Amino acid sequence: MIEKRAAQRHRVFKGGTITFAGSGIACTVRNMSDGGAAIDLDGPVTLPQSFTLSIARDNFTRHCRAVWRSDRRIGLAFEQ
């Protein structure tokens, strides 16, 4: 299998929040790299084109967009 990621990903298991349009949705961050992350959601959610991912315990906030989706897991790309 050919690796297409520009940056190496690191496995994590952290609670996060996706925010958009004044609302927040809890998620679990499963892996991260400098360019993006993979998150798990509890159920199906329709996301806007861009939104914010926050991990409070790490004081981490990034604007991002979804680049792939598989069942309850979503791959995110961080916007510059």
N, C-alpha and C. Protein backbone atom coordinates (compact mmCIF):
# COMPACT_ATOMS: atom_id res chain seq x y z
N MET A 1 0.83 -1.18 0.00
CA MET A 1 0.00 0.00 0.00
C MET A 1 0.88 1.25 0.00
N ILE A 2 0.58 2.20 -0.85
CA ILE A 2 1.37 3.41 -0.98
C ILE A 2 0.85 4.48 -0.03
N GLU A 3 1.74 5.03 0.77
CA GLU A 3 1.38 6.10 1.72
C GLU A 3 1.27 7.41 0.97
N LYS A 4 0.11 8.07 1.05
CA LYS A 4 -0.13 9.33 0.35
C LYS A 4 0.00 10.55 1.24
N ARG A 5 0.16 10.36 2.53
CA ARG A 5 0.23 11.49 3.45
C ARG A 5 1.57 12.20 3.33
N ALA A 6 1.54 13.52 3.42
CA ALA A 6 2.76 14.32 3.37
C ALA A 6 3.49 14.31 4.71
N ALA A 7 2.76 14.10 5.80
CA ALA A 7 3.36 14.10 7.14
C ALA A 7 2.98 12.81 7.87
N GLN A 8 3.90 12.30 8.69
CA GLN A 8 3.65 11.08 9.43
C GLN A 8 2.55 11.30 10.46
N ARG A 9 1.65 10.34 10.58
CA ARG A 9 0.58 10.46 11.58
C ARG A 9 0.98 9.75 12.87
N HIS A 10 0.40 10.22 13.97
CA HIS A 10 0.67 9.65 15.29
C HIS A 10 -0.65 9.23 15.92
N ARG A 11 -0.70 8.03 16.44
CA ARG A 11 -1.90 7.55 17.10
C ARG A 11 -2.14 8.31 18.39
N VAL A 12 -3.37 8.72 18.59
CA VAL A 12 -3.77 9.40 19.82
C VAL A 12 -5.16 8.91 20.20
N PHE A 13 -5.59 9.22 21.37
CA PHE A 13 -6.95 8.91 21.83
C PHE A 13 -7.34 10.06 22.74
N LYS A 14 -7.86 11.14 22.12
CA LYS A 14 -8.16 12.35 22.87
C LYS A 14 -9.57 12.82 22.57
N GLY A 15 -10.21 13.38 23.57
CA GLY A 15 -11.52 13.97 23.38
C GLY A 15 -11.38 15.32 22.70
N GLY A 16 -12.22 15.56 21.72
CA GLY A 16 -12.19 16.82 21.01
C GLY A 16 -13.59 17.34 20.76
N THR A 17 -13.67 18.52 20.16
CA THR A 17 -14.95 19.13 19.82
C THR A 17 -14.85 19.74 18.44
N ILE A 18 -15.86 19.46 17.62
CA ILE A 18 -15.99 20.11 16.32
C ILE A 18 -17.01 21.22 16.52
N THR A 19 -16.67 22.43 16.10
CA THR A 19 -17.60 23.55 16.24
C THR A 19 -17.86 24.20 14.89
N PHE A 20 -19.13 24.57 14.69
CA PHE A 20 -19.56 25.31 13.50
C PHE A 20 -20.95 25.85 13.78
N ALA A 21 -21.26 26.97 13.20
CA ALA A 21 -22.58 27.59 13.31
C ALA A 21 -23.06 27.69 14.76
N GLY A 22 -22.15 27.98 15.68
CA GLY A 22 -22.53 28.17 17.07
C GLY A 22 -22.84 26.91 17.85
N SER A 23 -22.59 25.72 17.27
CA SER A 23 -22.84 24.48 18.00
C SER A 23 -21.57 23.65 18.07
N GLY A 24 -21.54 22.74 19.03
CA GLY A 24 -20.38 21.87 19.21
C GLY A 24 -20.78 20.41 19.22
N ILE A 25 -19.94 19.56 18.62
CA ILE A 25 -20.17 18.13 18.57
C ILE A 25 -18.94 17.44 19.13
N ALA A 26 -19.14 16.57 20.12
CA ALA A 26 -18.02 15.83 20.70
C ALA A 26 -17.49 14.81 19.70
N CYS A 27 -16.17 14.61 19.73
CA CYS A 27 -15.55 13.62 18.86
C CYS A 27 -14.36 13.01 19.60
N THR A 28 -13.83 11.93 19.06
CA THR A 28 -12.61 11.32 19.56
C THR A 28 -11.56 11.42 18.48
N VAL A 29 -10.44 12.05 18.79
CA VAL A 29 -9.34 12.18 17.84
C VAL A 29 -8.52 10.88 17.92
N ARG A 30 -8.39 10.19 16.79
CA ARG A 30 -7.72 8.88 16.76
C ARG A 30 -6.28 8.95 16.28
N ASN A 31 -5.99 9.86 15.35
CA ASN A 31 -4.61 10.06 14.95
C ASN A 31 -4.45 11.48 14.44
N MET A 32 -3.20 11.96 14.48
CA MET A 32 -2.92 13.33 14.07
C MET A 32 -1.58 13.39 13.36
N SER A 33 -1.46 14.39 12.49
CA SER A 33 -0.19 14.73 11.86
C SER A 33 -0.14 16.25 11.78
N ASP A 34 0.93 16.77 11.22
CA ASP A 34 1.02 18.22 11.06
C ASP A 34 -0.05 18.74 10.11
N GLY A 35 -0.51 17.89 9.19
CA GLY A 35 -1.45 18.34 8.17
C GLY A 35 -2.90 17.98 8.39
N GLY A 36 -3.20 17.11 9.39
CA GLY A 36 -4.58 16.72 9.57
C GLY A 36 -4.78 15.73 10.70
N ALA A 37 -5.97 15.14 10.74
CA ALA A 37 -6.33 14.22 11.81
C ALA A 37 -7.42 13.29 11.33
N ALA A 38 -7.63 12.22 12.08
CA ALA A 38 -8.78 11.35 11.88
C ALA A 38 -9.58 11.37 13.17
N ILE A 39 -10.88 11.55 13.05
CA ILE A 39 -11.74 11.62 14.22
C ILE A 39 -12.86 10.59 14.10
N ASP A 40 -13.39 10.18 15.25
CA ASP A 40 -14.57 9.33 15.32
C ASP A 40 -15.71 10.13 15.91
N LEU A 41 -16.90 9.96 15.35
CA LEU A 41 -18.12 10.58 15.87
C LEU A 41 -19.05 9.50 16.39
N ASP A 42 -19.94 9.85 17.31
CA ASP A 42 -20.88 8.88 17.87
C ASP A 42 -21.97 8.48 16.89
N GLY A 43 -22.27 9.33 15.94
CA GLY A 43 -23.33 9.04 14.98
C GLY A 43 -23.13 9.85 13.72
N PRO A 44 -24.02 9.66 12.76
CA PRO A 44 -23.89 10.41 11.51
C PRO A 44 -24.16 11.90 11.72
N VAL A 45 -23.30 12.72 11.15
CA VAL A 45 -23.41 14.17 11.27
C VAL A 45 -23.10 14.78 9.91
N THR A 46 -23.91 15.73 9.50
CA THR A 46 -23.62 16.47 8.28
C THR A 46 -22.77 17.67 8.67
N LEU A 47 -21.59 17.75 8.07
CA LEU A 47 -20.66 18.82 8.41
C LEU A 47 -20.62 19.85 7.29
N PRO A 48 -20.37 21.11 7.65
CA PRO A 48 -20.19 22.14 6.63
C PRO A 48 -18.84 21.95 5.93
N GLN A 49 -18.57 22.77 4.94
CA GLN A 49 -17.34 22.66 4.18
C GLN A 49 -16.10 22.87 5.06
N SER A 50 -16.17 23.81 6.00
CA SER A 50 -15.06 24.00 6.94
C SER A 50 -15.62 24.20 8.35
N PHE A 51 -14.81 23.84 9.33
CA PHE A 51 -15.22 23.90 10.73
C PHE A 51 -13.97 23.93 11.58
N THR A 52 -14.13 23.95 12.90
CA THR A 52 -13.00 24.03 13.82
C THR A 52 -12.92 22.77 14.67
N LEU A 53 -11.71 22.22 14.80
CA LEU A 53 -11.45 21.11 15.71
C LEU A 53 -10.68 21.66 16.90
N SER A 54 -11.16 21.37 18.11
CA SER A 54 -10.50 21.82 19.34
C SER A 54 -10.25 20.62 20.25
N ILE A 55 -9.08 20.61 20.88
CA ILE A 55 -8.76 19.64 21.92
C ILE A 55 -8.38 20.47 23.14
N ALA A 56 -9.32 20.60 24.06
CA ALA A 56 -9.17 21.52 25.19
C ALA A 56 -7.96 21.21 26.05
N ARG A 57 -7.72 19.94 26.35
CA ARG A 57 -6.62 19.60 27.27
C ARG A 57 -5.25 19.92 26.70
N ASP A 58 -5.15 20.05 25.37
CA ASP A 58 -3.89 20.40 24.72
C ASP A 58 -3.84 21.85 24.28
N ASN A 59 -4.90 22.61 24.55
CA ASN A 59 -5.01 23.99 24.09
C ASN A 59 -4.78 24.06 22.57
N PHE A 60 -5.42 23.12 21.85
CA PHE A 60 -5.23 22.94 20.41
C PHE A 60 -6.50 23.35 19.67
N THR A 61 -6.37 24.21 18.67
CA THR A 61 -7.50 24.63 17.85
C THR A 61 -7.01 24.79 16.41
N ARG A 62 -7.70 24.14 15.47
CA ARG A 62 -7.35 24.27 14.05
C ARG A 62 -8.62 24.34 13.21
N HIS A 63 -8.59 25.20 12.20
CA HIS A 63 -9.65 25.22 11.21
C HIS A 63 -9.36 24.07 10.25
N CYS A 64 -10.39 23.34 9.83
CA CYS A 64 -10.16 22.17 9.00
C CYS A 64 -11.34 21.90 8.07
N ARG A 65 -11.14 20.91 7.20
CA ARG A 65 -12.19 20.45 6.29
C ARG A 65 -12.09 18.94 6.21
N ALA A 66 -13.22 18.30 5.93
CA ALA A 66 -13.25 16.85 5.78
C ALA A 66 -12.72 16.47 4.40
N VAL A 67 -11.86 15.46 4.35
CA VAL A 67 -11.32 15.01 3.06
C VAL A 67 -11.74 13.58 2.73
N TRP A 68 -12.15 12.80 3.72
CA TRP A 68 -12.71 11.47 3.48
C TRP A 68 -13.59 11.08 4.67
N ARG A 69 -14.45 10.10 4.43
CA ARG A 69 -15.37 9.65 5.47
C ARG A 69 -15.61 8.16 5.32
N SER A 70 -15.61 7.44 6.41
CA SER A 70 -15.87 6.01 6.41
C SER A 70 -16.68 5.68 7.66
N ASP A 71 -17.95 5.39 7.49
CA ASP A 71 -18.86 5.09 8.59
C ASP A 71 -18.83 6.25 9.59
N ARG A 72 -18.23 6.06 10.76
CA ARG A 72 -18.19 7.12 11.78
C ARG A 72 -16.83 7.80 11.89
N ARG A 73 -15.89 7.43 11.05
CA ARG A 73 -14.56 8.05 11.07
C ARG A 73 -14.46 9.06 9.91
N ILE A 74 -13.85 10.21 10.22
CA ILE A 74 -13.69 11.28 9.23
C ILE A 74 -12.23 11.72 9.21
N GLY A 75 -11.68 11.81 8.02
CA GLY A 75 -10.32 12.32 7.86
C GLY A 75 -10.37 13.83 7.62
N LEU A 76 -9.58 14.56 8.37
CA LEU A 76 -9.57 16.02 8.29
C LEU A 76 -8.24 16.53 7.76
N ALA A 77 -8.29 17.60 7.00
CA ALA A 77 -7.10 18.34 6.58
C ALA A 77 -7.14 19.69 7.27
N PHE A 78 -6.04 20.07 7.91
CA PHE A 78 -5.97 21.37 8.55
C PHE A 78 -5.76 22.43 7.48
N GLU A 79 -6.51 23.54 7.60
CA GLU A 79 -6.39 24.64 6.65
C GLU A 79 -5.31 25.59 7.13
N GLN A 80 -4.61 26.15 6.21
CA GLN A 80 -3.50 27.07 6.55
C GLN A 80 -3.98 28.47 6.71
